Protein backbone atom coordinates (compact mmCIF):
# COMPACT_ATOMS: atom_id res chain seq x y z
CA UNK A 1 -3.08 -4.47 -11.25
CA UNK A 2 -5.12 -6.02 -8.67
CA UNK A 3 -7.10 -4.35 -6.15
CA UNK A 4 -7.53 -5.87 -2.81
CA UNK A 5 -9.62 -4.68 -0.18
CA UNK A 6 -8.84 -4.26 3.57
CA UNK A 7 -10.05 -7.28 4.70
CA UNK A 8 -8.22 -9.50 2.12
CA UNK A 9 -5.20 -7.99 3.34
CA UNK A 10 -5.32 -8.18 6.88
CA UNK A 11 -6.22 -11.93 6.04
CA UNK A 12 -2.89 -12.02 3.92
CA UNK A 13 -0.53 -10.66 6.70
CA UNK A 14 -2.54 -12.85 9.51
CA UNK A 15 -1.71 -16.04 7.17
CA UNK A 16 1.69 -17.18 8.20
CA UNK A 17 1.74 -19.72 5.28
CA UNK A 18 2.33 -17.01 2.39
CA UNK A 19 5.08 -14.58 2.21
CA UNK A 20 3.90 -11.16 3.53
CA UNK A 21 3.46 -8.54 0.77
CA UNK A 22 5.54 -5.23 0.72
CA UNK A 23 3.27 -2.30 1.78
CA UNK A 24 3.94 0.81 -0.18
CA UNK A 25 3.01 3.65 1.48
CA UNK A 26 2.89 6.75 -0.97
CA UNK A 27 1.21 9.69 1.14
CA UNK A 28 2.69 12.50 2.92
CA UNK A 29 4.83 12.45 5.81
CA UNK A 30 1.74 14.38 7.96
CA UNK A 31 -0.34 11.54 6.85
CA UNK A 32 1.91 9.10 7.80
CA UNK A 33 2.17 11.05 11.19
CA UNK A 34 -1.23 10.40 11.71
CA UNK A 35 -1.77 6.50 10.75
CA UNK A 36 0.36 4.29 9.34
CA UNK A 37 0.11 0.26 8.61
CA UNK A 38 3.15 -1.46 10.59
CA UNK A 39 5.83 -2.09 8.67
CA UNK A 40 5.21 -0.08 5.64
CA UNK A 41 7.76 1.42 3.39
CA UNK A 42 7.17 5.18 2.88
CA UNK A 43 7.83 6.55 -0.19
CA UNK A 44 5.77 9.49 -1.07
CA UNK A 45 3.87 9.47 -4.43
CA UNK A 46 6.44 12.00 -5.85
CA UNK A 47 9.10 10.54 -5.45
CA UNK A 48 8.39 6.81 -6.66
CA UNK A 49 9.53 7.49 -10.57
CA UNK A 50 13.21 8.73 -8.72
CA UNK A 51 13.46 5.76 -6.04
CA UNK A 52 11.67 2.99 -8.12
CA UNK A 53 14.90 0.76 -8.22
CA UNK A 54 14.76 0.84 -4.20
CA UNK A 55 11.55 -1.80 -5.03
CA UNK A 56 11.81 -5.44 -6.18
CA UNK A 57 9.92 -5.67 -9.11
CA UNK A 58 9.38 -9.55 -8.43
CA UNK A 59 7.87 -8.52 -5.08
CA UNK A 60 4.11 -8.58 -4.50
CA UNK A 61 3.53 -4.68 -3.53
CA UNK A 62 0.67 -3.54 -1.84
CA UNK A 63 0.16 -0.05 -2.67
CA UNK A 64 -1.55 2.28 -0.17
CA UNK A 65 -2.58 6.04 0.36
CA UNK A 66 -5.32 7.41 1.85
CA UNK A 67 -8.22 6.67 -0.01
CA UNK A 68 -7.00 4.56 -2.79
CA UNK A 69 -7.10 7.24 -5.85
CA UNK A 70 -3.08 8.01 -5.59
CA UNK A 71 -2.15 4.17 -4.77
CA UNK A 72 -4.15 3.09 -7.95
CA UNK A 73 -1.95 5.57 -10.02
CA UNK A 74 1.59 4.45 -8.52
CA UNK A 75 0.35 0.71 -8.61
CA UNK A 76 -0.10 1.45 -12.31
CA UNK A 77 2.88 2.85 -12.64
CA UNK A 78 4.53 0.44 -11.23
CA UNK A 79 3.17 -2.32 -13.92
CA UNK A 80 4.29 0.20 -16.67
CA UNK A 81 7.93 -0.29 -15.07
CA UNK A 82 7.60 -4.03 -15.54
CA UNK A 83 6.48 -4.72 -12.09
CA UNK A 84 4.14 -7.96 -11.91
CA UNK A 85 2.43 -8.65 -8.72
CA UNK A 86 0.86 -4.74 -7.26
CA UNK A 87 -2.04 -4.45 -5.37
CA UNK A 88 -4.09 -1.14 -4.56
CA UNK A 89 -5.48 -1.49 -1.38
CA UNK A 90 -8.61 -0.38 -2.10
CA UNK A 91 -10.43 2.25 0.36
CA UNK A 92 -6.69 3.08 1.57
CA UNK A 93 -6.08 3.46 4.96
CA UNK A 94 -9.30 4.97 5.72
CA UNK A 95 -10.96 1.45 4.66
CA UNK A 96 -8.35 -0.08 6.71
CA UNK A 97 -9.54 1.72 9.72
CA UNK A 98 -12.92 1.65 9.25
CA UNK A 99 -12.86 -2.47 8.55
CA UNK A 100 -9.50 -3.63 10.19
CA UNK A 101 -8.40 -1.48 13.01
CA UNK A 102 -11.02 1.09 14.89
CA UNK A 103 -8.11 2.32 16.82
CA UNK A 104 -6.65 3.95 13.95
CA UNK A 105 -6.44 7.49 13.44
CA UNK A 106 -8.60 8.69 10.62
CA UNK A 107 -8.64 12.46 8.98
C-alpha cells in the first residue's frame, strides 16, 4: 500500500490530466458531520468487509480517516482482497485541515 500526504492528494485532485481517485472515508457518521472531503464515498470501517463489493478493485482508491490509522488498516484489508491501487491518506482529515484547508473544522 502506498502512503499519500495531504498536499500530494491536493495536487492529484487539482490535476485535470489525471483521473481523480475514489476517496473512501471510513470514519463514523459523527465525524463526517464535523469535517468531510468533497466527493468522498462514506463507508464506516466496520462496514467495509460487508460492502467491499461496492468498490471497484481496479480503481485508484485513497482511504481516509481522522489521523490515518483506521485508513491504514482498511487500505491493507483492501489489498488483501485484491485491490491493487490503494493509498492511505497519511495524517487523515486532520492533516488535510492543517495543510490544505484551514477552514475545515478539526476535532
